[in-house]
Amino acid sequence: MTSQVILPRADGALETYRLSPPRRFGPPASAPRTRIAYSAAHVAADPLADVNPWLASAPDWEATMAFRRHLWSLGLGVAEAMDTAQRGMGLDWPTSLELIRRSVAEARSFGPGALIASGAGTDQLAPRPDLTLDQVIAAYEEQCAAVEAAGSRIILMASRALAACAKGPQDYAHVCGRILSGVREPVILHWLGEMFDPALAGYWGHDDHWRAMDVCLDIIAAHADKVDGIKVSLLSEDKEIAMRARLPAGVRMYTGDDFNYPALIAGADGQFSHALLGIFDAIAPAAAAALDALAAGDMETYRDILAPTVPLSRHIFRAPTRFYKTGIVFLAWLNGFQAHFTMVGGQESARSTLHLAELFRLADRAGLLSDPERAAERMALVMRQRGVGV
């Protein structure tokens, strides 16, 4: 029997939506891939924890680790404790460090193919204009040391504290230079745009992204031996391509562009981006199959798999982009990776009923609802809770 659910439309009417059969993606190919791909993984909340969601976080550790095992089983790396996990947006530093330690232990148990890198930032330090650069450096050093001690590679996250107190590009160069000179292994820098976090507006000392890019590239060039790559999350294909062409030899571009990832990963004229993407959490089976097709030189299959995921991703990451985590966790719940739609920080309320309804349609059209009957049942539950079809 065809699964169906009553959904609202933008014009206020209701429709009976009938789901399509899911797309079946095979197991990962044995041949090596030509792109490094990290999925920025979400955290499953414990819905029965006695905490106020807006004030404290309580992860469901087993569900959270199980999802990471799912990603590794598909040959995807895990980018741990990033903004997809609501880092600095519900998930504090002590809990983030516990998350990193648990994930590193899981990766070791999983086997040598379990790639992991983890976010180090300054979120134990409240952003204030009167902070000193030495305070920002000390906060970064504390987290970098903890991530390295846990056994993970570092993703050097953008700092709200630095954005709040920096007087210009020279302060970013000073802080980053100090941190990069002290790390043991090359890091992945993370330029997170203000569309993801408004507190990071003007990062690198300029509101203009092109001028900011010059500052960032100068820092990378001065410390290229300590930079594995940079993840750029500006949602601009042109800016990423321009920056990618100017990176020093051996420094990778990791796309964080959840709007334009298929073309950026495929590349052109010998230039391409690796991936460190939040959307790969939601579309992991499709992403893995597409990367296998790309490695095999099958561009038609690569594009065929990823093309229908782009409208879904653009919807999940639509403005206000910082609320994208709601869609990521919603889809994980629909697909049975957790038993509830409760989020760290209470973010299950951050998107409208119409937004969730359209997300459901787009996920179905991309073949990403693995069990249509379960997905329809869960979607109907949310719709009834929000007054649809009652």
Protein backbone atom coordinates (compact mmCIF):
# COMPACT_ATOMS: atom_id res chain seq x y z
CA MET A 1 0.00 0.00 0.00
CA THR A 2 1.26 3.45 -0.89
CA SER A 3 2.23 5.46 2.21
CA GLN A 4 0.57 8.84 2.44
CA VAL A 5 0.22 11.75 4.83
CA ILE A 6 -1.82 14.96 5.00
CA LEU A 7 0.42 18.01 4.52
CA PRO A 8 -0.28 21.76 4.46
CA ARG A 9 0.43 23.88 1.40
CA ALA A 10 1.60 27.47 1.27
CA ASP A 11 -1.86 28.60 0.11
CA GLY A 12 -3.42 27.28 3.34
CA ALA A 13 -4.99 24.21 1.76
CA LEU A 14 -4.27 20.62 2.79
CA GLU A 15 -3.18 17.85 0.45
CA THR A 16 -2.86 14.11 0.69
CA TYR A 17 0.75 13.49 -0.19
CA ARG A 18 1.69 10.02 -1.49
CA LEU A 19 5.26 8.93 -1.01
CA SER A 20 7.46 7.46 -3.71
CA PRO A 21 9.58 4.33 -3.26
CA PRO A 22 12.94 5.17 -1.69
CA ARG A 23 16.09 5.12 -3.74
CA ARG A 24 18.34 2.18 -2.85
CA PHE A 25 22.02 3.02 -2.64
CA GLY A 26 24.48 0.15 -2.62
CA PRO A 27 27.30 -0.41 -0.12
CA PRO A 28 30.47 1.67 -0.50
CA ALA A 29 32.71 0.63 -3.36
CA SER A 30 36.03 -1.03 -2.55
CA ALA A 31 37.99 1.34 -4.80
CA PRO A 32 39.49 4.42 -3.12
CA ARG A 33 37.66 7.71 -3.52
CA THR A 34 39.18 10.77 -5.13
CA ARG A 35 37.72 13.20 -2.60
CA ILE A 36 38.07 13.42 1.17
CA ALA A 37 34.59 13.83 2.61
CA TYR A 38 33.61 14.72 6.16
CA SER A 39 30.04 14.88 7.38
CA ALA A 40 29.50 17.44 10.14
CA ALA A 41 27.44 15.21 12.41
CA HIS A 42 24.51 16.21 14.62
CA VAL A 43 23.96 15.28 18.27
CA ALA A 44 20.87 13.37 19.41
CA ALA A 45 19.36 14.85 22.57
CA ASP A 46 18.12 12.84 25.54
CA PRO A 47 14.40 13.74 25.70
CA LEU A 48 14.04 12.43 29.26
CA ALA A 49 16.93 14.34 30.80
CA ASP A 50 15.91 16.73 33.57
CA VAL A 51 17.41 19.84 31.98
CA ASN A 52 16.01 23.07 30.61
CA PRO A 53 16.83 22.74 26.89
CA TRP A 54 17.61 26.43 26.40
CA LEU A 55 20.08 26.40 29.30
CA ALA A 56 21.79 23.01 29.26
CA SER A 57 22.48 20.10 26.92
CA ALA A 58 21.98 16.41 27.58
CA PRO A 59 23.00 14.18 24.66
CA ASP A 60 21.67 10.70 24.09
CA TRP A 61 25.14 9.22 23.81
CA GLU A 62 24.19 5.86 22.31
CA ALA A 63 22.02 7.36 19.55
CA THR A 64 24.70 9.97 18.89
CA MET A 65 27.48 7.38 18.57
CA ALA A 66 25.30 5.05 16.50
CA PHE A 67 24.87 7.80 13.92
CA ARG A 68 28.63 8.25 13.71
CA ARG A 69 29.02 4.52 13.10
CA HIS A 70 26.47 4.88 10.31
CA LEU A 71 28.56 7.60 8.67
CA TRP A 72 31.80 5.61 8.94
CA SER A 73 30.08 2.55 7.49
CA LEU A 74 29.44 4.63 4.37
CA GLY A 75 33.07 5.67 4.12
CA LEU A 76 32.40 9.24 5.26
CA GLY A 77 34.53 10.99 7.83
CA VAL A 78 33.03 12.62 10.92
CA ALA A 79 33.59 16.31 11.58
CA GLU A 80 32.89 16.33 15.29
CA ALA A 81 31.53 19.03 17.60
CA MET A 82 30.86 21.53 14.81
CA ASP A 83 27.92 23.89 14.42
CA THR A 84 25.82 21.00 13.06
CA ALA A 85 26.12 19.53 16.57
CA GLN A 86 24.88 22.92 17.87
CA ARG A 87 28.32 23.81 19.14
CA GLY A 88 28.02 27.18 20.86
CA MET A 89 24.28 27.07 20.14
CA GLY A 90 23.20 24.69 22.90
CA LEU A 91 26.24 22.43 23.18
CA ASP A 92 28.81 23.89 25.58
CA TRP A 93 32.56 23.21 25.66
CA PRO A 94 32.62 20.60 28.46
CA THR A 95 29.92 18.57 26.69
CA SER A 96 31.67 19.08 23.35
CA LEU A 97 34.89 17.70 24.77
CA GLU A 98 33.06 14.66 26.14
CA LEU A 99 31.52 14.22 22.69
CA ILE A 100 34.96 14.39 21.04
CA ARG A 101 36.46 11.87 23.47
CA ARG A 102 33.59 9.43 22.96
CA SER A 103 33.72 9.78 19.18
CA VAL A 104 37.48 9.22 19.04
CA ALA A 105 37.03 6.05 21.12
CA GLU A 106 34.26 4.91 18.75
CA ALA A 107 36.47 5.63 15.74
CA ARG A 108 39.27 3.51 17.19
CA SER A 109 36.85 0.67 17.83
CA PHE A 110 35.37 0.97 14.36
CA GLY A 111 38.68 0.54 12.60
CA PRO A 112 41.35 2.34 10.58
CA GLY A 113 38.89 3.68 8.02
CA ALA A 114 37.03 5.82 10.58
CA LEU A 115 38.16 9.34 9.74
CA ILE A 116 37.56 12.00 12.40
CA ALA A 117 38.47 15.64 12.94
CA SER A 118 37.09 17.79 15.75
CA GLY A 119 36.29 21.42 16.34
CA ALA A 120 38.52 23.54 18.59
CA GLY A 121 37.35 27.06 19.32
CA THR A 122 36.92 29.56 22.12
CA ASP A 123 33.33 28.97 23.21
CA GLN A 124 34.30 28.62 26.89
CA LEU A 125 35.01 32.37 26.67
CA ALA A 126 32.04 34.75 26.53
CA PRO A 127 32.46 37.22 23.63
CA ARG A 128 33.12 40.79 24.83
CA PRO A 129 34.75 43.81 23.21
CA ASP A 130 37.08 44.24 26.22
CA LEU A 131 38.67 40.79 25.87
CA THR A 132 42.40 40.72 25.19
CA LEU A 133 43.98 38.76 22.39
CA ASP A 134 45.93 36.81 25.00
CA GLN A 135 42.64 35.64 26.51
CA VAL A 136 41.44 34.48 23.11
CA ILE A 137 44.73 32.71 22.46
CA ALA A 138 44.58 30.97 25.84
CA ALA A 139 41.05 29.73 25.13
CA TYR A 140 42.09 28.41 21.72
CA GLU A 141 45.19 26.75 23.20
CA GLU A 142 43.12 25.03 25.89
CA GLN A 143 40.77 23.50 23.35
CA CYS A 144 43.47 22.59 20.83
CA ALA A 145 45.44 20.80 23.53
CA ALA A 146 42.32 18.93 24.65
CA VAL A 147 41.42 17.85 21.11
CA GLU A 148 44.96 16.66 20.42
CA ALA A 149 45.08 14.84 23.76
CA ALA A 150 41.84 13.07 22.81
CA GLY A 151 43.56 11.79 19.66
CA SER A 152 41.72 13.82 17.04
CA ARG A 153 42.85 16.10 14.26
CA ILE A 154 41.84 19.73 14.82
CA ILE A 155 39.31 21.78 12.90
CA LEU A 156 40.18 25.33 13.97
CA MET A 157 36.78 26.97 14.30
CA ALA A 158 35.98 30.64 13.87
CA SER A 159 35.86 32.46 17.22
CA ARG A 160 33.01 34.67 18.37
CA ALA A 161 35.33 36.01 21.07
CA LEU A 162 37.93 37.04 18.49
CA ALA A 163 35.26 38.60 16.27
CA ALA A 164 34.03 40.63 19.26
CA CYS A 165 37.42 42.05 20.30
CA ALA A 166 39.61 42.14 17.19
CA LYS A 167 40.51 45.64 16.02
CA GLY A 168 41.49 44.64 12.51
CA PRO A 169 43.08 42.02 10.24
CA GLN A 170 46.36 42.17 12.16
CA ASP A 171 44.65 40.74 15.25
CA TYR A 172 43.37 37.73 13.31
CA ALA A 173 46.85 37.17 11.89
CA HIS A 174 48.38 37.39 15.36
CA VAL A 175 45.97 34.98 17.01
CA CYS A 176 45.94 32.43 14.18
CA GLY A 177 49.70 32.60 13.87
CA ARG A 178 50.15 31.82 17.54
CA ILE A 179 47.74 28.89 17.43
CA LEU A 180 49.05 27.40 14.20
CA SER A 181 52.63 27.59 15.41
CA GLY A 182 51.72 25.47 18.44
CA VAL A 183 49.69 22.61 16.95
CA ARG A 184 51.25 19.18 16.42
CA GLU A 185 49.58 18.33 13.11
CA PRO A 186 48.15 20.45 10.29
CA VAL A 187 44.64 21.70 11.01
CA ILE A 188 41.58 22.41 8.92
CA LEU A 189 40.69 26.10 9.22
CA HIS A 190 37.00 26.96 9.24
CA TRP A 191 35.68 30.22 7.80
CA LEU A 192 32.05 30.21 8.89
CA GLY A 193 30.07 33.01 7.30
CA GLU A 194 27.67 35.30 9.10
CA MET A 195 24.70 33.62 7.41
CA PHE A 196 25.47 30.61 9.64
CA ASP A 197 26.37 32.69 12.72
CA PRO A 198 25.63 36.44 12.78
CA ALA A 199 28.19 36.89 15.58
CA LEU A 200 30.94 36.14 13.02
CA ALA A 201 30.16 39.09 10.74
CA GLY A 202 33.33 40.91 9.70
CA TYR A 203 35.58 37.92 10.27
CA TRP A 204 39.22 38.33 9.26
CA GLY A 205 38.77 42.06 9.86
CA HIS A 206 36.54 42.97 6.91
CA ASP A 207 32.83 42.94 6.16
CA ASP A 208 33.68 42.50 2.49
CA HIS A 209 34.31 38.80 1.87
CA TRP A 210 36.82 39.44 -0.91
CA ARG A 211 39.02 41.61 1.32
CA ALA A 212 38.60 39.12 4.14
CA MET A 213 39.72 36.38 1.76
CA ASP A 214 43.01 38.21 1.16
CA VAL A 215 43.68 38.27 4.91
CA CYS A 216 42.84 34.59 5.32
CA LEU A 217 45.02 33.59 2.37
CA ASP A 218 47.95 35.57 3.76
CA ILE A 219 47.62 33.71 7.07
CA ILE A 220 47.49 30.35 5.29
CA ALA A 221 50.51 31.21 3.14
CA ALA A 222 52.52 32.19 6.22
CA HIS A 223 51.72 28.88 7.96
CA ALA A 224 51.08 26.50 5.06
CA ASP A 225 52.93 23.66 6.77
CA LYS A 226 50.37 23.75 9.61
CA VAL A 227 47.26 23.98 7.40
CA ASP A 228 45.81 20.80 5.89
CA GLY A 229 43.02 22.81 4.31
CA ILE A 230 40.28 25.33 4.81
CA LYS A 231 36.54 24.79 4.99
CA VAL A 232 34.72 27.74 3.49
CA SER A 233 31.06 28.23 4.43
CA LEU A 234 29.97 31.37 2.58
CA LEU A 235 27.30 29.82 0.30
CA SER A 236 29.03 31.42 -2.70
CA GLU A 237 30.34 29.22 -5.48
CA ASP A 238 32.31 32.08 -7.06
CA LYS A 239 34.12 32.98 -3.84
CA GLU A 240 35.07 29.39 -3.10
CA ILE A 241 36.40 28.80 -6.61
CA ALA A 242 38.41 32.03 -6.50
CA MET A 243 39.91 31.20 -3.11
CA ARG A 244 40.59 27.60 -4.10
CA ALA A 245 42.71 28.75 -7.05
CA ARG A 246 44.87 30.87 -4.74
CA LEU A 247 45.64 28.28 -2.06
CA PRO A 248 49.29 27.26 -1.61
CA ALA A 249 50.29 23.90 -3.05
CA GLY A 250 49.25 21.07 -0.77
CA VAL A 251 46.53 23.05 1.05
CA ARG A 252 43.09 21.63 0.36
CA MET A 253 39.78 23.36 -0.12
CA TYR A 254 36.96 21.69 1.81
CA THR A 255 33.64 22.94 0.58
CA GLY A 256 31.17 23.99 3.23
CA ASP A 257 28.76 25.29 0.58
CA ASP A 258 25.48 23.48 1.18
CA PHE A 259 23.96 25.21 -1.87
CA ASN A 260 26.52 24.37 -4.59
CA TYR A 261 28.39 21.25 -3.42
CA PRO A 262 27.91 18.96 -6.47
CA ALA A 263 29.72 21.29 -8.89
CA LEU A 264 32.35 22.34 -6.35
CA ILE A 265 33.25 18.74 -5.49
CA ALA A 266 33.26 17.69 -9.15
CA GLY A 267 35.44 20.67 -10.02
CA ALA A 268 36.71 21.83 -13.38
CA ASP A 269 40.05 22.32 -15.14
CA GLY A 270 41.84 20.17 -12.60
CA GLN A 271 40.60 22.20 -9.62
CA PHE A 272 38.11 20.70 -7.17
CA SER A 273 36.99 20.85 -3.55
CA HIS A 274 36.96 18.13 -0.95
CA ALA A 275 33.95 18.17 1.38
CA LEU A 276 33.15 19.07 4.96
CA LEU A 277 29.41 19.50 4.86
CA GLY A 278 26.46 19.62 7.21
CA ILE A 279 24.14 18.38 4.49
CA PHE A 280 26.14 15.13 4.26
CA ASP A 281 24.59 14.27 7.64
CA ALA A 282 21.15 14.31 6.04
CA ILE A 283 22.01 12.77 2.67
CA ALA A 284 24.82 10.41 3.74
CA PRO A 285 23.81 7.35 1.65
CA ALA A 286 23.39 9.48 -1.47
CA ALA A 287 26.63 11.38 -0.83
CA ALA A 288 28.60 8.14 -0.43
CA ALA A 289 27.17 6.62 -3.60
CA ALA A 290 27.82 9.80 -5.55
CA LEU A 291 31.45 9.94 -4.38
CA ASP A 292 31.90 6.34 -5.49
CA ALA A 293 30.51 7.21 -8.92
CA LEU A 294 32.82 10.22 -9.14
CA ALA A 295 35.83 8.05 -8.29
CA ALA A 296 34.80 5.63 -11.05
CA GLY A 297 34.56 8.47 -13.56
CA ASP A 298 30.78 8.04 -13.89
CA MET A 299 29.76 11.68 -13.94
CA GLU A 300 26.24 10.93 -15.14
CA THR A 301 25.47 8.82 -12.07
CA TYR A 302 27.23 11.33 -9.80
CA ARG A 303 25.01 14.15 -11.04
CA ASP A 304 21.88 11.97 -11.13
CA ILE A 305 22.29 11.09 -7.45
CA LEU A 306 23.12 14.56 -6.13
CA ALA A 307 20.87 16.73 -8.34
CA PRO A 308 17.64 16.04 -6.38
CA THR A 309 19.45 16.55 -3.06
CA VAL A 310 20.26 20.18 -3.89
CA PRO A 311 16.68 21.54 -3.59
CA LEU A 312 16.43 19.69 -0.27
CA SER A 313 19.71 21.16 0.97
CA ARG A 314 18.85 24.67 -0.14
CA HIS A 315 15.56 24.37 1.71
CA ILE A 316 17.16 23.03 4.90
CA PHE A 317 19.78 25.81 4.81
CA ARG A 318 17.49 28.64 3.74
CA ALA A 319 17.59 31.89 5.72
CA PRO A 320 17.81 32.20 8.66
CA THR A 321 20.52 29.65 7.84
CA ARG A 322 21.54 29.18 11.48
CA PHE A 323 18.31 27.20 12.01
CA TYR A 324 19.34 24.50 9.54
CA LYS A 325 20.02 22.05 12.39
CA THR A 326 16.27 21.58 12.80
CA GLY A 327 15.96 20.09 9.33
CA ILE A 328 19.01 17.87 9.79
CA VAL A 329 17.65 16.33 13.00
CA PHE A 330 14.10 16.12 11.62
CA LEU A 331 15.29 14.01 8.71
CA ALA A 332 17.38 11.81 11.03
CA TRP A 333 14.23 11.16 13.07
CA LEU A 334 12.11 10.43 9.99
CA ASN A 335 14.74 7.88 8.93
CA GLY A 336 14.81 6.10 12.28
CA PHE A 337 18.21 7.20 13.59
CA GLN A 338 16.60 8.45 16.78
CA ALA A 339 13.33 7.75 18.52
CA HIS A 340 12.13 11.34 18.90
CA PHE A 341 12.24 14.84 17.45
CA THR A 342 13.71 16.59 20.49
CA MET A 343 16.80 18.74 20.00
CA VAL A 344 19.63 20.25 21.96
CA GLY A 345 18.67 23.81 22.77
CA GLY A 346 14.99 23.18 22.06
CA GLN A 347 15.65 23.86 18.37
CA GLU A 348 12.86 21.54 17.21
CA SER A 349 10.67 24.67 17.35
CA ALA A 350 12.98 26.77 15.11
CA ARG A 351 11.26 25.98 11.79
CA SER A 352 7.64 26.37 10.74
CA THR A 353 5.12 23.64 9.98
CA LEU A 354 5.19 24.65 6.30
CA HIS A 355 8.99 24.40 6.29
CA LEU A 356 8.89 20.84 7.67
CA ALA A 357 6.17 19.85 5.21
CA GLU A 358 8.22 21.02 2.24
CA LEU A 359 11.33 19.34 3.64
CA PHE A 360 9.37 16.08 3.75
CA ARG A 361 8.32 16.42 0.10
CA LEU A 362 11.85 17.25 -1.06
CA ALA A 363 13.41 14.38 0.89
CA ASP A 364 10.89 12.01 -0.67
CA ARG A 365 11.63 13.31 -4.18
CA ALA A 366 15.35 12.76 -3.57
CA GLY A 367 14.63 9.15 -2.56
CA LEU A 368 16.00 9.77 0.94
CA LEU A 369 13.12 8.49 3.10
CA SER A 370 14.44 4.98 3.64
CA ASP A 371 11.21 3.56 5.08
CA PRO A 372 8.22 5.46 3.63
CA GLU A 373 5.72 3.87 6.00
CA ARG A 374 7.70 4.91 9.08
CA ALA A 375 8.37 8.35 7.65
CA ALA A 376 4.67 8.90 6.90
CA GLU A 377 3.66 7.75 10.37
CA ARG A 378 6.13 10.08 12.06
CA MET A 379 5.28 12.99 9.79
CA ALA A 380 1.58 12.54 10.54
CA LEU A 381 2.36 12.65 14.26
CA VAL A 382 4.15 16.01 13.93
CA MET A 383 1.41 17.39 11.70
CA ARG A 384 -1.28 16.43 14.21
CA GLN A 385 0.70 18.04 17.02
CA ARG A 386 0.74 21.23 14.96
CA GLY A 387 -2.94 21.14 14.18
CA VAL A 388 -2.86 19.66 10.67
CA GLY A 389 -5.51 17.10 9.86
CA VAL A 390 -7.16 17.10 13.28
